[in-house]
Structure formats: structure tokens, C-alpha cells
Amino acid sequence: MPSVTLVGERMAKKGLEFIYMGPSSNCKNCKLKTACFNLKKGRSYRITGIREKRHSCNLHDGGVRVVEVEELPIIAFIDKNSKEGSKVKIDTMNCRHLDCEYFDICHSPLLQSNKEYSVIKIIEPVECIDGRELVKAEISDS
């Protein structure tokens, strides 16, 4: 079921993906802050629907728009021996291959080092340039 939140008018495009960075201190006295602050800090979302309702906003030039969003799964590379349903801790990758196609996933801002995650789904094996034996997986922090 989608969540309803507010985003800047210019961001209100179906299919747009964003990371919610948390509440802004500029919004502490706003009557709409509960609608803006109802997402999980540091998680990725995709806009799935745009509603007609608009509001003025002191932070967003052009105001904000009511949108429906879905939380996206966390994708990470984990040890190849990990199993669906198991718990894993993500270690920070010490990788210097900036041109690697997987660099952004290995260094995702969504992942916290030494935090425990549940493995939801193993997606596919990954060929790591550094020779690490990894699989691409969907994980959850809840």
C-alpha cells in the first residue's frame, strides 16, 4: 500500500526515485510537517501517483504537491554463502575501482556498516573485480 507524502512541485513526477534525507529544521513550525516527515530517513522511495492537491511551502520554491510513494527495497552485495531469511552485517567495501559498474551499490548511502539486515531475496551472483565472492540481494533493516 502506498504512503502519502509531500514533495516539491518540481519533483512531483511519476516514477521519480529519491532518498528521504529526514526532516528539515526549517519546517518545525509548519502545519504540514507530519505529512512531509512520515517517511523513513535514509530510505529510497518511488513516486507512484500524483494527486491534484498543492500547498505553499517555505522550503520548496513553487510549493509542494501531494504524492503517493512506495518504499523501494534495499539492494546490496553480500557473501555468496548467505541464505534467504538469514541475518547479515554489511561491511564497508574498501574498493578503489571507481569505474566499476557496481561501485554505487557497494557504497550505497542506504547501508550502515555493522548494522544487521535480513536477507529477503537472493537475486544473482556478482563478478567482483577484487575477486570477492558476492551475490546481489534484497535486504531489509526492519
Protein backbone atom coordinates (compact mmCIF):
# COMPACT_ATOMS: atom_id res chain seq x y z
CA MET A 1 0.00 0.00 0.00
CA PRO A 2 1.49 3.36 -0.95
CA SER A 3 2.27 6.09 1.57
CA VAL A 4 1.09 9.64 1.03
CA THR A 5 3.58 12.47 1.49
CA LEU A 6 4.52 15.89 0.14
CA VAL A 7 7.35 16.67 -2.28
CA GLY A 8 8.48 19.84 -4.02
CA GLU A 9 6.35 20.68 -7.07
CA ARG A 10 9.32 20.18 -9.41
CA MET A 11 9.96 16.69 -8.01
CA ALA A 12 6.36 15.56 -8.42
CA LYS A 13 6.88 13.25 -11.38
CA LYS A 14 5.54 9.70 -11.54
CA GLY A 15 8.41 7.21 -11.45
CA LEU A 16 10.89 9.62 -9.85
CA GLU A 17 13.05 7.91 -7.22
CA PHE A 18 14.55 9.74 -4.25
CA ILE A 19 16.20 9.15 -0.89
CA TYR A 20 14.38 10.75 2.06
CA MET A 21 17.06 12.62 3.98
CA GLY A 22 14.94 13.38 7.03
CA PRO A 23 13.16 16.44 8.39
CA SER A 24 14.47 19.96 7.91
CA SER A 25 14.75 22.24 10.93
CA ASN A 26 13.17 24.97 8.77
CA CYS A 27 9.89 23.03 8.94
CA LYS A 28 9.50 22.68 12.72
CA ASN A 29 6.59 25.16 12.89
CA CYS A 30 4.83 24.08 9.68
CA LYS A 31 1.29 22.72 9.99
CA LEU A 32 2.00 20.18 7.22
CA LYS A 33 5.20 18.71 8.69
CA THR A 34 3.57 15.41 9.69
CA ALA A 35 2.75 14.75 6.03
CA CYS A 36 6.34 15.53 4.99
CA PHE A 37 8.03 13.67 7.83
CA ASN A 38 6.18 10.34 7.56
CA LEU A 39 8.89 8.52 5.58
CA LYS A 40 11.91 6.60 6.90
CA LYS A 41 15.12 8.63 6.94
CA GLY A 42 17.77 7.26 4.59
CA ARG A 43 15.38 5.06 2.59
CA SER A 44 14.62 5.15 -1.14
CA TYR A 45 11.15 5.83 -2.50
CA ARG A 46 9.46 5.94 -5.91
CA ILE A 47 6.56 8.26 -6.71
CA THR A 48 3.68 6.09 -7.91
CA GLY A 49 0.88 8.64 -8.06
CA ILE A 50 0.39 12.38 -8.09
CA ARG A 51 -2.65 13.99 -6.55
CA GLU A 52 -4.08 17.36 -7.54
CA LYS A 53 -3.70 18.97 -4.09
CA ARG A 54 -0.94 21.58 -3.79
CA HIS A 55 0.29 23.55 -0.78
CA SER A 56 2.54 26.54 -0.31
CA CYS A 57 5.88 25.81 1.34
CA ASN A 58 8.65 27.97 2.81
CA LEU A 59 11.31 25.43 1.82
CA HIS A 60 10.28 24.50 -1.73
CA ASP A 61 10.07 27.27 -4.29
CA GLY A 62 6.83 26.63 -6.16
CA GLY A 63 5.22 24.82 -3.23
CA VAL A 64 4.65 21.13 -2.59
CA ARG A 65 2.40 18.51 -4.11
CA VAL A 66 0.64 15.55 -2.52
CA VAL A 67 2.06 12.30 -3.92
CA GLU A 68 1.81 8.58 -3.33
CA VAL A 69 5.12 6.77 -2.86
CA GLU A 70 6.31 3.21 -2.43
CA GLU A 71 9.35 2.28 -0.39
CA LEU A 72 11.99 0.59 -2.54
CA PRO A 73 13.93 -2.46 -1.38
CA ILE A 74 17.49 -2.09 -0.21
CA ILE A 75 19.83 -3.75 -2.71
CA ALA A 76 23.27 -4.83 -1.51
CA PHE A 77 26.08 -7.24 -2.28
CA ILE A 78 26.52 -9.88 0.40
CA ASP A 79 28.61 -13.02 0.90
CA LYS A 80 27.71 -15.74 -1.61
CA ASN A 81 27.03 -18.22 1.22
CA SER A 82 24.22 -16.08 2.66
CA LYS A 83 20.72 -17.58 2.54
CA GLU A 84 17.27 -16.03 2.24
CA GLY A 85 15.85 -15.45 5.72
CA SER A 86 19.29 -15.18 7.33
CA LYS A 87 20.78 -12.14 9.06
CA VAL A 88 23.85 -10.39 7.66
CA LYS A 89 26.03 -7.46 8.62
CA ILE A 90 27.22 -5.22 5.84
CA ASP A 91 30.91 -4.36 5.92
CA THR A 92 32.12 -1.21 4.23
CA MET A 93 33.76 -2.21 0.96
CA ASN A 94 37.33 -1.00 0.60
CA CYS A 95 37.15 -0.70 -3.17
CA ARG A 96 39.18 1.67 -5.33
CA HIS A 97 37.55 0.75 -8.65
CA LEU A 98 35.55 3.94 -9.24
CA ASP A 99 34.74 2.81 -12.78
CA CYS A 100 33.18 -0.49 -11.65
CA GLU A 101 29.54 -0.91 -12.67
CA TYR A 102 28.74 -2.00 -9.09
CA PHE A 103 30.52 0.85 -7.26
CA ASP A 104 27.30 2.73 -6.37
CA ILE A 105 25.68 -0.36 -4.85
CA CYS A 106 28.81 -1.26 -2.86
CA HIS A 107 28.98 2.29 -1.50
CA SER A 108 25.26 2.97 -1.10
CA PRO A 109 24.29 5.69 1.39
CA LEU A 110 21.39 3.43 2.41
CA LEU A 111 23.72 0.90 4.05
CA GLN A 112 25.13 1.24 7.54
CA SER A 113 28.30 -0.59 8.44
CA ASN A 114 27.92 -3.31 11.09
CA LYS A 115 24.11 -2.97 11.14
CA GLU A 116 22.19 -6.24 10.97
CA TYR A 117 19.93 -6.78 7.95
CA SER A 118 17.59 -9.61 6.98
CA VAL A 119 18.11 -11.25 3.60
CA ILE A 120 14.78 -11.11 1.78
CA LYS A 121 15.77 -12.41 -1.64
CA ILE A 122 18.96 -13.56 -3.38
CA ILE A 123 18.87 -12.01 -6.87
CA GLU A 124 22.00 -13.17 -8.69
CA PRO A 125 25.74 -13.86 -8.35
CA VAL A 126 28.05 -10.91 -8.98
CA GLU A 127 31.51 -10.88 -10.53
CA CYS A 128 33.55 -8.59 -8.28
CA ILE A 129 36.66 -7.00 -9.80
CA ASP A 130 38.50 -7.61 -6.50
CA GLY A 131 37.60 -11.31 -6.54
CA ARG A 132 35.13 -11.17 -3.66
CA GLU A 133 32.52 -13.94 -3.87
CA LEU A 134 29.27 -11.98 -3.64
CA VAL A 135 25.61 -12.16 -4.57
CA LYS A 136 23.22 -9.32 -5.26
CA ALA A 137 20.40 -9.41 -2.70
CA GLU A 138 17.34 -7.57 -1.48
CA ILE A 139 17.72 -6.89 2.24
CA SER A 140 15.63 -5.25 4.95
CA ASP A 141 16.50 -3.33 8.09
CA SER A 142 13.15 -3.94 9.77
